PDB file of N, CA and C in Angstrom:
ATOM      1  N   GLN A   1      -7.466   4.909  16.823  1.00  0.00           N
ATOM      2  CA  GLN A   1      -8.791   4.358  16.592  1.00  0.00           C
ATOM      3  C   GLN A   1      -8.823   3.497  15.335  1.00  0.00           C
ATOM      4  N   VAL A   2      -8.168   3.960  14.271  1.00  0.00           N
ATOM      5  CA  VAL A   2      -8.084   3.185  13.039  1.00  0.00           C
ATOM      6  C   VAL A   2      -7.007   2.124  13.200  1.00  0.00           C
ATOM      7  N   GLN A   3      -7.375   0.880  12.935  1.00  0.00           N
ATOM      8  CA  GLN A   3      -6.446  -0.231  13.010  1.00  0.00           C
ATOM      9  C   GLN A   3      -6.281  -0.845  11.622  1.00  0.00           C
ATOM     10  N   LEU A   4      -5.028  -1.066  11.221  1.00  0.00           N
ATOM     11  CA  LEU A   4      -4.714  -1.603   9.909  1.00  0.00           C
ATOM     12  C   LEU A   4      -3.816  -2.821  10.068  1.00  0.00           C
ATOM     13  N   VAL A   5      -4.170  -3.908   9.403  1.00  0.00           N
ATOM     14  CA  VAL A   5      -3.401  -5.143   9.478  1.00  0.00           C
ATOM     15  C   VAL A   5      -3.103  -5.630   8.075  1.00  0.00           C
ATOM     16  N   GLU A   6      -1.813  -5.653   7.721  1.00  0.00           N
ATOM     17  CA  GLU A   6      -1.386  -6.089   6.395  1.00  0.00           C
ATOM     18  C   GLU A   6      -1.117  -7.588   6.374  1.00  0.00           C
ATOM     19  N   SER A   7      -1.230  -8.158   5.179  1.00  0.00           N
ATOM     20  CA  SER A   7      -0.874  -9.546   4.963  1.00  0.00           C
ATOM     21  C   SER A   7      -0.533  -9.745   3.494  1.00  0.00           C
ATOM     22  N   GLY A   8       0.100 -10.862   3.180  1.00  0.00           N
ATOM     23  CA  GLY A   8       0.380 -11.223   1.801  1.00  0.00           C
ATOM     24  C   GLY A   8       1.827 -11.086   1.369  1.00  0.00           C
ATOM     25  N   GLY A   9       2.683 -10.495   2.190  1.00  0.00           N
ATOM     26  CA  GLY A   9       4.083 -10.374   1.823  1.00  0.00           C
ATOM     27  C   GLY A   9       4.756 -11.730   1.748  1.00  0.00           C
ATOM     28  N   ASP A  10       5.752 -11.848   0.864  1.00  0.00           N
ATOM     29  CA  ASP A  10       6.402 -13.133   0.649  1.00  0.00           C
ATOM     30  C   ASP A  10       7.731 -12.922  -0.063  1.00  0.00           C
ATOM     31  N   LYS A  11       8.467 -14.009  -0.217  1.00  0.00           N
ATOM     32  CA  LYS A  11       9.684 -14.024  -1.018  1.00  0.00           C
ATOM     33  C   LYS A  11       9.349 -14.594  -2.382  1.00  0.00           C
ATOM     34  N   VAL A  12       9.645 -13.827  -3.437  1.00  0.00           N
ATOM     35  CA  VAL A  12       9.325 -14.250  -4.792  1.00  0.00           C
ATOM     36  C   VAL A  12      10.510 -13.986  -5.710  1.00  0.00           C
ATOM     37  N   GLN A  13      10.419 -14.521  -6.910  1.00  0.00           N
ATOM     38  CA  GLN A  13      11.441 -14.316  -7.923  1.00  0.00           C
ATOM     39  C   GLN A  13      11.071 -13.162  -8.842  1.00  0.00           C
ATOM     40  N   THR A  14      12.059 -12.597  -9.499  1.00  0.00           N
ATOM     41  CA  THR A  14      11.835 -11.539 -10.474  1.00  0.00           C
ATOM     42  C   THR A  14      10.804 -11.979 -11.514  1.00  0.00           C
ATOM     43  N   GLY A  15       9.846 -11.103 -11.798  1.00  0.00           N
ATOM     44  CA  GLY A  15       8.825 -11.381 -12.787  1.00  0.00           C
ATOM     45  C   GLY A  15       7.551 -11.981 -12.234  1.00  0.00           C
ATOM     46  N   GLU A  16       7.573 -12.400 -10.983  1.00  0.00           N
ATOM     47  CA  GLU A  16       6.392 -13.005 -10.376  1.00  0.00           C
ATOM     48  C   GLU A  16       5.443 -11.952  -9.820  1.00  0.00           C
ATOM     49  N   SER A  17       4.287 -12.410  -9.359  1.00  0.00           N
ATOM     50  CA  SER A  17       3.244 -11.525  -8.866  1.00  0.00           C
ATOM     51  C   SER A  17       2.931 -11.807  -7.407  1.00  0.00           C
ATOM     52  N   LEU A  18       2.329 -10.825  -6.762  1.00  0.00           N
ATOM     53  CA  LEU A  18       1.976 -10.937  -5.358  1.00  0.00           C
ATOM     54  C   LEU A  18       0.829  -9.979  -5.073  1.00  0.00           C
ATOM     55  N   ARG A  19      -0.080 -10.376  -4.185  1.00  0.00           N
ATOM     56  CA  ARG A  19      -1.160  -9.490  -3.774  1.00  0.00           C
ATOM     57  C   ARG A  19      -1.095  -9.238  -2.274  1.00  0.00           C
ATOM     58  N   LEU A  20      -1.046  -7.978  -1.903  1.00  0.00           N
ATOM     59  CA  LEU A  20      -1.068  -7.581  -0.510  1.00  0.00           C
ATOM     60  C   LEU A  20      -2.480  -7.171  -0.109  1.00  0.00           C
ATOM     61  N   SER A  21      -2.840  -7.456   1.132  1.00  0.00           N
ATOM     62  CA  SER A  21      -4.141  -7.080   1.658  1.00  0.00           C
ATOM     63  C   SER A  21      -3.975  -6.261   2.926  1.00  0.00           C
ATOM     64  N   CYS A  22      -4.916  -5.371   3.164  1.00  0.00           N
ATOM     65  CA  CYS A  22      -4.927  -4.552   4.370  1.00  0.00           C
ATOM     66  C   CYS A  22      -6.350  -4.520   4.908  1.00  0.00           C
ATOM     67  N   ALA A  23      -6.543  -5.132   6.062  1.00  0.00           N
ATOM     68  CA  ALA A  23      -7.844  -5.137   6.713  1.00  0.00           C
ATOM     69  C   ALA A  23      -7.932  -3.947   7.655  1.00  0.00           C
ATOM     70  N   ALA A  24      -8.963  -3.131   7.491  1.00  0.00           N
ATOM     71  CA  ALA A  24      -9.115  -1.909   8.274  1.00  0.00           C
ATOM     72  C   ALA A  24     -10.311  -2.009   9.203  1.00  0.00           C
ATOM     73  N   THR A  25     -10.130  -1.547  10.426  1.00  0.00           N
ATOM     74  CA  THR A  25     -11.219  -1.426  11.382  1.00  0.00           C
ATOM     75  C   THR A  25     -11.200  -0.032  11.982  1.00  0.00           C
ATOM     76  N   GLY A  26     -12.336   0.394  12.500  1.00  0.00           N
ATOM     77  CA  GLY A  26     -12.432   1.711  13.098  1.00  0.00           C
ATOM     78  C   GLY A  26     -12.624   2.834  12.099  1.00  0.00           C
ATOM     79  N   THR A  27     -12.962   2.492  10.862  1.00  0.00           N
ATOM     80  CA  THR A  27     -13.132   3.491   9.813  1.00  0.00           C
ATOM     81  C   THR A  27     -14.596   3.775   9.495  1.00  0.00           C
ATOM     82  N   ALA A  28     -15.510   3.087  10.141  1.00  0.00           N
ATOM     83  CA  ALA A  28     -16.928   3.273   9.882  1.00  0.00           C
ATOM     84  C   ALA A  28     -17.349   4.708  10.172  1.00  0.00           C
ATOM     85  N   GLY A  29     -18.133   5.270   9.258  1.00  0.00           N
ATOM     86  CA  GLY A  29     -18.608   6.628   9.420  1.00  0.00           C
ATOM     87  C   GLY A  29     -17.583   7.704   9.094  1.00  0.00           C
ATOM     88  N   ARG A  30     -16.466   7.296   8.540  1.00  0.00           N
ATOM     89  CA  ARG A  30     -15.405   8.235   8.185  1.00  0.00           C
ATOM     90  C   ARG A  30     -15.032   8.089   6.718  1.00  0.00           C
ATOM     91  N   THR A  31     -14.480   9.149   6.156  1.00  0.00           N
ATOM     92  CA  THR A  31     -13.977   9.148   4.789  1.00  0.00           C
ATOM     93  C   THR A  31     -12.453   9.188   4.826  1.00  0.00           C
ATOM     94  N   TYR A  32     -11.815   8.285   4.091  1.00  0.00           N
ATOM     95  CA  TYR A  32     -10.369   8.147   4.154  1.00  0.00           C
ATOM     96  C   TYR A  32      -9.711   8.086   2.795  1.00  0.00           C
ATOM     97  N   CYS A  33      -8.511   8.626   2.731  1.00  0.00           N
ATOM     98  CA  CYS A  33      -7.555   8.261   1.710  1.00  0.00           C
ATOM     99  C   CYS A  33      -6.786   7.063   2.244  1.00  0.00           C
ATOM    100  N   MET A  34      -6.584   6.058   1.416  1.00  0.00           N
ATOM    101  CA  MET A  34      -5.821   4.895   1.832  1.00  0.00           C
ATOM    102  C   MET A  34      -4.751   4.580   0.806  1.00  0.00           C
ATOM    103  N   GLY A  35      -3.675   3.958   1.268  1.00  0.00           N
ATOM    104  CA  GLY A  35      -2.602   3.650   0.339  1.00  0.00           C
ATOM    105  C   GLY A  35      -1.557   2.733   0.916  1.00  0.00           C
ATOM    106  N   TRP A  36      -0.511   2.544   0.122  1.00  0.00           N
ATOM    107  CA  TRP A  36       0.618   1.701   0.488  1.00  0.00           C
ATOM    108  C   TRP A  36       1.917   2.480   0.350  1.00  0.00           C
ATOM    109  N   PHE A  37       2.786   2.289   1.319  1.00  0.00           N
ATOM    110  CA  PHE A  37       4.133   2.835   1.309  1.00  0.00           C
ATOM    111  C   PHE A  37       5.111   1.686   1.503  1.00  0.00           C
ATOM    112  N   ARG A  38       6.353   1.892   1.104  1.00  0.00           N
ATOM    113  CA  ARG A  38       7.356   0.852   1.294  1.00  0.00           C
ATOM    114  C   ARG A  38       8.682   1.464   1.729  1.00  0.00           C
ATOM    115  N   GLN A  39       9.484   0.648   2.395  1.00  0.00           N
ATOM    116  CA  GLN A  39      10.770   1.107   2.874  1.00  0.00           C
ATOM    117  C   GLN A  39      11.776  -0.036   2.837  1.00  0.00           C
ATOM    118  N   ALA A  40      12.880   0.195   2.145  1.00  0.00           N
ATOM    119  CA  ALA A  40      13.978  -0.755   2.117  1.00  0.00           C
ATOM    120  C   ALA A  40      14.976  -0.389   3.208  1.00  0.00           C
ATOM    121  N   PRO A  41      15.753  -1.359   3.709  1.00  0.00           N
ATOM    122  CA  PRO A  41      16.732  -1.062   4.757  1.00  0.00           C
ATOM    123  C   PRO A  41      17.683   0.051   4.353  1.00  0.00           C
ATOM    124  N   GLY A  42      17.848   1.036   5.230  1.00  0.00           N
ATOM    125  CA  GLY A  42      18.749   2.139   4.967  1.00  0.00           C
ATOM    126  C   GLY A  42      18.225   3.194   4.017  1.00  0.00           C
ATOM    127  N   LYS A  43      16.981   3.056   3.569  1.00  0.00           N
ATOM    128  CA  LYS A  43      16.405   4.009   2.634  1.00  0.00           C
ATOM    129  C   LYS A  43      15.172   4.677   3.235  1.00  0.00           C
ATOM    130  N   GLU A  44      14.821   5.815   2.678  1.00  0.00           N
ATOM    131  CA  GLU A  44      13.647   6.557   3.133  1.00  0.00           C
ATOM    132  C   GLU A  44      12.367   5.860   2.692  1.00  0.00           C
ATOM    133  N   ARG A  45      11.344   5.964   3.517  1.00  0.00           N
ATOM    134  CA  ARG A  45      10.046   5.428   3.146  1.00  0.00           C
ATOM    135  C   ARG A  45       9.500   6.181   1.940  1.00  0.00           C
ATOM    136  N   GLU A  46       8.925   5.448   0.992  1.00  0.00           N
ATOM    137  CA  GLU A  46       8.403   6.066  -0.209  1.00  0.00           C
ATOM    138  C   GLU A  46       6.967   5.636  -0.466  1.00  0.00           C
ATOM    139  N   GLY A  47       6.201   6.544  -1.027  1.00  0.00           N
ATOM    140  CA  GLY A  47       4.823   6.246  -1.359  1.00  0.00           C
ATOM    141  C   GLY A  47       4.730   5.398  -2.607  1.00  0.00           C
ATOM    142  N   VAL A  48       3.881   4.389  -2.566  1.00  0.00           N
ATOM    143  CA  VAL A  48       3.671   3.494  -3.700  1.00  0.00           C
ATOM    144  C   VAL A  48       2.407   3.878  -4.458  1.00  0.00           C
ATOM    145  N   ALA A  49       1.286   3.964  -3.741  1.00  0.00           N
ATOM    146  CA  ALA A  49       0.017   4.273  -4.371  1.00  0.00           C
ATOM    147  C   ALA A  49      -0.998   4.689  -3.327  1.00  0.00           C
ATOM    148  N   THR A  50      -1.951   5.535  -3.720  1.00  0.00           N
ATOM    149  CA  THR A  50      -3.060   5.912  -2.860  1.00  0.00           C
ATOM    150  C   THR A  50      -4.364   5.853  -3.646  1.00  0.00           C
ATOM    151  N   ILE A  51      -5.458   5.703  -2.917  1.00  0.00           N
ATOM    152  CA  ILE A  51      -6.790   5.744  -3.513  1.00  0.00           C
ATOM    153  C   ILE A  51      -7.643   6.691  -2.684  1.00  0.00           C
ATOM    154  N   ASP A  52      -8.324   7.631  -3.351  1.00  0.00           N
ATOM    155  CA  ASP A  52      -9.086   8.629  -2.637  1.00  0.00           C
ATOM    156  C   ASP A  52     -10.514   8.148  -2.385  1.00  0.00           C
ATOM    157  N   PRO A  53     -11.328   8.937  -1.659  1.00  0.00           N
ATOM    158  CA  PRO A  53     -12.690   8.481  -1.340  1.00  0.00           C
ATOM    159  C   PRO A  53     -13.564   8.206  -2.554  1.00  0.00           C
ATOM    160  N   GLN A  54     -13.249   8.802  -3.699  1.00  0.00           N
ATOM    161  CA  GLN A  54     -14.006   8.571  -4.919  1.00  0.00           C
ATOM    162  C   GLN A  54     -13.470   7.402  -5.745  1.00  0.00           C
ATOM    163  N   GLY A  55     -12.389   6.783  -5.287  1.00  0.00           N
ATOM    164  CA  GLY A  55     -11.816   5.656  -5.991  1.00  0.00           C
ATOM    165  C   GLY A  55     -10.733   6.011  -6.983  1.00  0.00           C
ATOM    166  N   VAL A  56     -10.317   7.271  -7.022  1.00  0.00           N
ATOM    167  CA  VAL A  56      -9.258   7.693  -7.926  1.00  0.00           C
ATOM    168  C   VAL A  56      -7.908   7.293  -7.353  1.00  0.00           C
ATOM    169  N   THR A  57      -7.103   6.618  -8.159  1.00  0.00           N
ATOM    170  CA  THR A  57      -5.813   6.119  -7.702  1.00  0.00           C
ATOM    171  C   THR A  57      -4.664   6.966  -8.216  1.00  0.00           C
ATOM    172  N   THR A  58      -3.592   6.987  -7.443  1.00  0.00           N
ATOM    173  CA  THR A  58      -2.353   7.650  -7.811  1.00  0.00           C
ATOM    174  C   THR A  58      -1.213   6.681  -7.565  1.00  0.00           C
ATOM    175  N   TYR A  59      -0.310   6.547  -8.542  1.00  0.00           N
ATOM    176  CA  TYR A  59       0.795   5.610  -8.447  1.00  0.00           C
ATOM    177  C   TYR A  59       2.125   6.316  -8.609  1.00  0.00           C
ATOM    178  N   ASP A  60       3.108   5.821  -7.879  1.00  0.00           N
ATOM    179  CA  ASP A  60       4.463   6.266  -8.120  1.00  0.00           C
ATOM    180  C   ASP A  60       4.907   5.801  -9.505  1.00  0.00           C
ATOM    181  N   ASP A  61       5.749   6.587 -10.156  1.00  0.00           N
ATOM    182  CA  ASP A  61       6.185   6.246 -11.509  1.00  0.00           C
ATOM    183  C   ASP A  61       6.846   4.870 -11.586  1.00  0.00           C
ATOM    184  N   SER A  62       7.490   4.465 -10.510  1.00  0.00           N
ATOM    185  CA  SER A  62       8.218   3.206 -10.519  1.00  0.00           C
ATOM    186  C   SER A  62       7.313   1.979 -10.584  1.00  0.00           C
ATOM    187  N   VAL A  63       6.015   2.143 -10.289  1.00  0.00           N
ATOM    188  CA  VAL A  63       5.110   1.000 -10.266  1.00  0.00           C
ATOM    189  C   VAL A  63       3.962   1.122 -11.254  1.00  0.00           C
ATOM    190  N   LYS A  64       3.860   2.223 -11.971  1.00  0.00           N
ATOM    191  CA  LYS A  64       2.782   2.407 -12.943  1.00  0.00           C
ATOM    192  C   LYS A  64       2.814   1.309 -13.997  1.00  0.00           C
ATOM    193  N   GLY A  65       1.644   0.743 -14.254  1.00  0.00           N
ATOM    194  CA  GLY A  65       1.538  -0.329 -15.232  1.00  0.00           C
ATOM    195  C   GLY A  65       1.808  -1.700 -14.665  1.00  0.00           C
ATOM    196  N   ARG A  66       2.328  -1.780 -13.447  1.00  0.00           N
ATOM    197  CA  ARG A  66       2.640  -3.066 -12.824  1.00  0.00           C
ATOM    198  C   ARG A  66       1.805  -3.333 -11.574  1.00  0.00           C
ATOM    199  N   PHE A  67       1.507  -2.284 -10.818  1.00  0.00           N
ATOM    200  CA  PHE A  67       0.750  -2.418  -9.572  1.00  0.00           C
ATOM    201  C   PHE A  67      -0.653  -1.861  -9.749  1.00  0.00           C
ATOM    202  N   THR A  68      -1.615  -2.479  -9.089  1.00  0.00           N
ATOM    203  CA  THR A  68      -2.992  -2.010  -9.113  1.00  0.00           C
ATOM    204  C   THR A  68      -3.535  -1.934  -7.696  1.00  0.00           C
ATOM    205  N   LEU A  69      -3.994  -0.758  -7.308  1.00  0.00           N
ATOM    206  CA  LEU A  69      -4.556  -0.534  -5.987  1.00  0.00           C
ATOM    207  C   LEU A  69      -6.079  -0.550  -6.073  1.00  0.00           C
ATOM    208  N   SER A  70      -6.715  -1.249  -5.150  1.00  0.00           N
ATOM    209  CA  SER A  70      -8.166  -1.296  -5.130  1.00  0.00           C
ATOM    210  C   SER A  70      -8.663  -1.386  -3.694  1.00  0.00           C
ATOM    211  N   ARG A  71      -9.953  -1.096  -3.519  1.00  0.00           N
ATOM    212  CA  ARG A  71     -10.554  -1.140  -2.190  1.00  0.00           C
ATOM    213  C   ARG A  71     -11.926  -1.780  -2.267  1.00  0.00           C
ATOM    214  N   ASP A  72     -12.173  -2.714  -1.378  1.00  0.00           N
ATOM    215  CA  ASP A  72     -13.476  -3.342  -1.251  1.00  0.00           C
ATOM    216  C   ASP A  72     -14.159  -2.673  -0.066  1.00  0.00           C
ATOM    217  N   ASN A  73     -15.057  -1.752  -0.343  1.00  0.00           N
ATOM    218  CA  ASN A  73     -15.695  -0.987   0.723  1.00  0.00           C
ATOM    219  C   ASN A  73     -16.574  -1.855   1.627  1.00  0.00           C
ATOM    220  N   ALA A  74     -17.227  -2.860   1.054  1.00  0.00           N
ATOM    221  CA  ALA A  74     -18.077  -3.735   1.845  1.00  0.00           C
ATOM    222  C   ALA A  74     -17.270  -4.522   2.867  1.00  0.00           C
ATOM    223  N   LYS A  75     -16.082  -4.963   2.472  1.00  0.00           N
ATOM    224  CA  LYS A  75     -15.211  -5.729   3.361  1.00  0.00           C
ATOM    225  C   LYS A  75     -14.231  -4.846   4.122  1.00  0.00           C
ATOM    226  N   ASN A  76     -14.209  -3.562   3.786  1.00  0.00           N
ATOM    227  CA  ASN A  76     -13.290  -2.615   4.409  1.00  0.00           C
ATOM    228  C   ASN A  76     -11.842  -3.107   4.308  1.00  0.00           C
ATOM    229  N   THR A  77     -11.476  -3.515   3.103  1.00  0.00           N
ATOM    230  CA  THR A  77     -10.162  -4.081   2.850  1.00  0.00           C
ATOM    231  C   THR A  77      -9.518  -3.408   1.646  1.00  0.00           C
ATOM    232  N   LEU A  78      -8.246  -3.105   1.771  1.00  0.00           N
ATOM    233  CA  LEU A  78      -7.450  -2.511   0.709  1.00  0.00           C
ATOM    234  C   LEU A  78      -6.534  -3.570   0.113  1.00  0.00           C
ATOM    235  N   TYR A  79      -6.371  -3.549  -1.208  1.00  0.00           N
ATOM    236  CA  TYR A  79      -5.534  -4.524  -1.898  1.00  0.00           C
ATOM    237  C   TYR A  79      -4.489  -3.829  -2.756  1.00  0.00           C
ATOM    238  N   LEU A  80      -3.346  -4.463  -2.879  1.00  0.00           N
ATOM    239  CA  LEU A  80      -2.325  -4.029  -3.820  1.00  0.00           C
ATOM    240  C   LEU A  80      -1.893  -5.240  -4.627  1.00  0.00           C
ATOM    241  N   GLN A  81      -2.318  -5.287  -5.894  1.00  0.00           N
ATOM    242  CA  GLN A  81      -1.918  -6.352  -6.792  1.00  0.00           C
ATOM    243  C   GLN A  81      -0.624  -5.940  -7.480  1.00  0.00           C
ATOM    244  N   MET A  82       0.418  -6.702  -7.269  1.00  0.00           N
ATOM    245  CA  MET A  82       1.736  -6.392  -7.802  1.00  0.00           C
ATOM    246  C   MET A  82       2.118  -7.454  -8.821  1.00  0.00           C
ATOM    247  N   THR A  83       2.469  -7.008 -10.026  1.00  0.00           N
ATOM    248  CA  THR A  83       2.887  -7.920 -11.085  1.00  0.00           C
ATOM    249  C   THR A  83       4.262  -7.519 -11.594  1.00  0.00           C
ATOM    250  N   ASN A  84       4.902  -8.454 -12.294  1.00  0.00           N
ATOM    251  CA  ASN A  84       6.229  -8.216 -12.868  1.00  0.00           C
ATOM    252  C   ASN A  84       7.184  -7.602 -11.842  1.00  0.00           C
ATOM    253  N   LEU A  85       7.261  -8.225 -10.701  1.00  0.00           N
ATOM    254  CA  LEU A  85       8.100  -7.709  -9.620  1.00  0.00           C
ATOM    255  C   LEU A  85       9.579  -7.792  -9.971  1.00  0.00           C
ATOM    256  N   ASN A  86      10.332  -6.831  -9.469  1.00  0.00           N
ATOM    257  CA  ASN A  86      11.775  -6.825  -9.644  1.00  0.00           C
ATOM    258  C   ASN A  86      12.437  -6.535  -8.301  1.00  0.00           C
ATOM    259  N   PRO A  87      13.748  -6.767  -8.176  1.00  0.00           N
ATOM    260  CA  PRO A  87      14.421  -6.586  -6.876  1.00  0.00           C
ATOM    261  C   PRO A  87      14.279  -5.191  -6.286  1.00  0.00           C
ATOM    262  N   GLU A  88      14.077  -4.169  -7.103  1.00  0.00           N
ATOM    263  CA  GLU A  88      13.893  -2.814  -6.591  1.00  0.00           C
ATOM    264  C   GLU A  88      12.575  -2.652  -5.841  1.00  0.00           C
ATOM    265  N   ASP A  89      11.674  -3.603  -5.978  1.00  0.00           N
ATOM    266  CA  ASP A  89      10.415  -3.577  -5.247  1.00  0.00           C
ATOM    267  C   ASP A  89      10.549  -4.139  -3.840  1.00  0.00           C
ATOM    268  N   THR A  90      11.696  -4.674  -3.505  1.00  0.00           N
ATOM    269  CA  THR A  90      11.919  -5.258  -2.186  1.00  0.00           C
ATOM    270  C   THR A  90      11.795  -4.207  -1.091  1.00  0.00           C
ATOM    271  N   GLY A  91      11.119  -4.567  -0.002  1.00  0.00           N
ATOM    272  CA  GLY A  91      10.992  -3.669   1.124  1.00  0.00           C
ATOM    273  C   GLY A  91       9.871  -4.076   2.052  1.00  0.00           C
ATOM    274  N   MET A  92       9.762  -3.359   3.157  1.00  0.00           N
ATOM    275  CA  MET A  92       8.632  -3.517   4.057  1.00  0.00           C
ATOM    276  C   MET A  92       7.500  -2.639   3.535  1.00  0.00           C
ATOM    277  N   TYR A  93       6.357  -3.244   3.313  1.00  0.00           N
ATOM    278  CA  TYR A  93       5.207  -2.524   2.782  1.00  0.00           C
ATOM    279  C   TYR A  93       4.225  -2.214   3.897  1.00  0.00           C
ATOM    280  N   TYR A  94       3.843  -0.946   4.002  1.00  0.00           N
ATOM    281  CA  TYR A  94       2.951  -0.477   5.042  1.00  0.00           C
ATOM    282  C   TYR A  94       1.638   0.019   4.452  1.00  0.00           C
ATOM    283  N   CYS A  95       0.557  -0.424   5.012  1.00  0.00           N
ATOM    284  CA  CYS A  95      -0.753   0.124   4.710  1.00  0.00           C
ATOM    285  C   CYS A  95      -0.946   1.399   5.521  1.00  0.00           C
ATOM    286  N   ALA A  96      -1.629   2.381   4.941  1.00  0.00           N
ATOM    287  CA  ALA A  96      -1.815   3.656   5.619  1.00  0.00           C
ATOM    288  C   ALA A  96      -3.186   4.244   5.314  1.00  0.00           C
ATOM    289  N   ALA A  97      -3.723   4.989   6.271  1.00  0.00           N
ATOM    290  CA  ALA A  97      -5.020   5.654   6.115  1.00  0.00           C
ATOM    291  C   ALA A  97      -4.925   7.084   6.631  1.00  0.00           C
ATOM    292  N   ARG A  98      -5.536   8.004   5.908  1.00  0.00           N
ATOM    293  CA  ARG A  98      -5.513   9.416   6.243  1.00  0.00           C
ATOM    294  C   ARG A  98      -6.909   9.996   6.120  1.00  0.00           C
ATOM    295  N   ASP A  99      -7.292  10.842   7.070  1.00  0.00           N
ATOM    296  CA  ASP A  99      -8.624  11.443   7.050  1.00  0.00           C
ATOM    297  C   ASP A  99      -8.879  12.236   5.783  1.00  0.00           C
ATOM    298  N   LEU A 100     -10.008  12.007   5.191  1.00  0.00           N
ATOM    299  CA  LEU A 100     -10.649  12.820   4.150  1.00  0.00           C
ATOM    300  C   LEU A 100      -9.970  12.831   2.790  1.00  0.00           C
ATOM    301  N   TYR A 101      -8.769  13.387   2.716  1.00  0.00           N
ATOM    302  CA  TYR A 101      -8.164  13.671   1.424  1.00  0.00           C
ATOM    303  C   TYR A 101      -6.803  13.020   1.257  1.00  0.00           C
ATOM    304  N   CYS A 102      -6.492  12.650   0.015  1.00  0.00           N
ATOM    305  CA  CYS A 102      -5.160  12.201  -0.319  1.00  0.00           C
ATOM    306  C   CYS A 102      -4.246  13.398  -0.508  1.00  0.00           C
ATOM    307  N   VAL A 103      -2.964  13.171  -0.257  1.00  0.00           N
ATOM    308  CA  VAL A 103      -1.935  14.158  -0.513  1.00  0.00           C
ATOM    309  C   VAL A 103      -0.910  13.524  -1.440  1.00  0.00           C
ATOM    310  N   THR A 104       0.110  14.278  -1.838  1.00  0.00           N
ATOM    311  CA  THR A 104       1.121  13.723  -2.725  1.00  0.00           C
ATOM    312  C   THR A 104       1.869  12.596  -2.027  1.00  0.00           C
ATOM    313  N   LEU A 105       2.447  11.707  -2.818  1.00  0.00           N
ATOM    314  CA  LEU A 105       3.034  10.482  -2.297  1.00  0.00           C
ATOM    315  C   LEU A 105       4.283  10.703  -1.464  1.00  0.00           C
ATOM    316  N   ASP A 106       4.866  11.875  -1.534  1.00  0.00           N
ATOM    317  CA  ASP A 106       6.062  12.156  -0.742  1.00  0.00           C
ATOM    318  C   ASP A 106       5.745  12.729   0.636  1.00  0.00           C
ATOM    319  N   GLN A 107       4.480  12.765   1.023  1.00  0.00           N
ATOM    320  CA  GLN A 107       4.074  13.277   2.324  1.00  0.00           C
ATOM    321  C   GLN A 107       3.605  12.136   3.218  1.00  0.00           C
ATOM    322  N   TYR A 108       3.995  12.177   4.491  1.00  0.00           N
ATOM    323  CA  TYR A 108       3.698  11.098   5.429  1.00  0.00           C
ATOM    324  C   TYR A 108       2.891  11.548   6.643  1.00  0.00           C
ATOM    325  N   ARG A 109       2.709  12.833   6.826  1.00  0.00           N
ATOM    326  CA  ARG A 109       2.064  13.359   8.023  1.00  0.00           C
ATOM    327  C   ARG A 109       0.584  12.988   8.095  1.00  0.00           C
ATOM    328  N   ASN A 110       0.125  12.725   9.318  1.00  0.00           N
ATOM    329  CA  ASN A 110      -1.279  12.489   9.630  1.00  0.00           C
ATOM    330  C   ASN A 110      -1.851  11.195   9.066  1.00  0.00           C
ATOM    331  N   TYR A 111      -1.008  10.217   8.832  1.00  0.00           N
ATOM    332  CA  TYR A 111      -1.454   8.883   8.472  1.00  0.00           C
ATOM    333  C   TYR A 111      -1.505   7.986   9.701  1.00  0.00           C
ATOM    334  N   ASN A 112      -2.427   7.049   9.686  1.00  0.00           N
ATOM    335  CA  ASN A 112      -2.380   5.899  10.567  1.00  0.00           C
ATOM    336  C   ASN A 112      -1.726   4.762   9.805  1.00  0.00           C
ATOM    337  N   TRP A 113      -0.899   3.964  10.507  1.00  0.00           N
ATOM    338  CA  TRP A 113      -0.078   2.961   9.855  1.00  0.00           C
ATOM    339  C   TRP A 113      -0.349   1.565  10.371  1.00  0.00           C
ATOM    340  N   GLY A 114      -0.211   0.594   9.474  1.00  0.00           N
ATOM    341  CA  GLY A 114      -0.194  -0.799   9.875  1.00  0.00           C
ATOM    342  C   GLY A 114       1.197  -1.208  10.307  1.00  0.00           C
ATOM    343  N   GLN A 115       1.353  -2.475  10.645  1.00  0.00           N
ATOM    344  CA  GLN A 115       2.639  -2.961  11.157  1.00  0.00           C
ATOM    345  C   GLN A 115       3.626  -3.324  10.053  1.00  0.00           C
ATOM    346  N   GLY A 116       3.148  -3.462   8.835  1.00  0.00           N
ATOM    347  CA  GLY A 116       4.001  -3.777   7.708  1.00  0.00           C
ATOM    348  C   GLY A 116       4.018  -5.252   7.358  1.00  0.00           C
ATOM    349  N   THR A 117       4.299  -5.538   6.089  1.00  0.00           N
ATOM    350  CA  THR A 117       4.481  -6.904   5.617  1.00  0.00           C
ATOM    351  C   THR A 117       5.654  -6.908   4.640  1.00  0.00           C
ATOM    352  N   GLN A 118       6.540  -7.879   4.783  1.00  0.00           N
ATOM    353  CA  GLN A 118       7.787  -7.884   4.035  1.00  0.00           C
ATOM    354  C   GLN A 118       7.614  -8.489   2.652  1.00  0.00           C
ATOM    355  N   VAL A 119       8.128  -7.784   1.646  1.00  0.00           N
ATOM    356  CA  VAL A 119       8.181  -8.279   0.276  1.00  0.00           C
ATOM    357  C   VAL A 119       9.642  -8.350  -0.147  1.00  0.00           C
ATOM    358  N   THR A 120      10.077  -9.523  -0.566  1.00  0.00           N
ATOM    359  CA  THR A 120      11.446  -9.716  -1.015  1.00  0.00           C
ATOM    360  C   THR A 120      11.436 -10.322  -2.408  1.00  0.00           C
ATOM    361  N   VAL A 121      12.103  -9.654  -3.342  1.00  0.00           N
ATOM    362  CA  VAL A 121      12.155 -10.103  -4.726  1.00  0.00           C
ATOM    363  C   VAL A 121      13.606 -10.398  -5.078  1.00  0.00           C
ATOM    364  N   SER A 122      13.888 -11.626  -5.467  1.00  0.00           N
ATOM    365  CA  SER A 122      15.238 -12.033  -5.818  1.00  0.00           C
ATOM    366  C   SER A 122      15.326 -12.327  -7.306  1.00  0.00           C
ATOM    367  N   SER A 123      16.518 -12.161  -7.859  1.00  0.00           N
ATOM    368  CA  SER A 123      16.741 -12.407  -9.276  1.00  0.00           C
ATOM    369  C   SER A 123      17.064 -13.862  -9.539  1.00  0.00           C
TER     370      SER A 123
END
């Protein structure tokens, strides 16, 4: 029922910035935790950041101080502003939504997922 569509992925150089967007539909009348996950080839998917229904954000240590997660409730859109990118940030980025409550970033169960958008950072 929940549909998520990501956009904004690109190829950039080390130190540059990028903003990802996630347009959500089917969430009206529901309370969600929303966030971003990423996965590099041959590696496990990892949580990047989540935002709870009250707007409280949680970030993985690897992106603290560089990434900012926000949500525009009127537009039903999730954003991830990424600054000072480095090659370790390279991967497929997935938008995700979970009913009611956020969980720790290492948990993936009971999320709805978008199709992903590719971010590539070169030195």
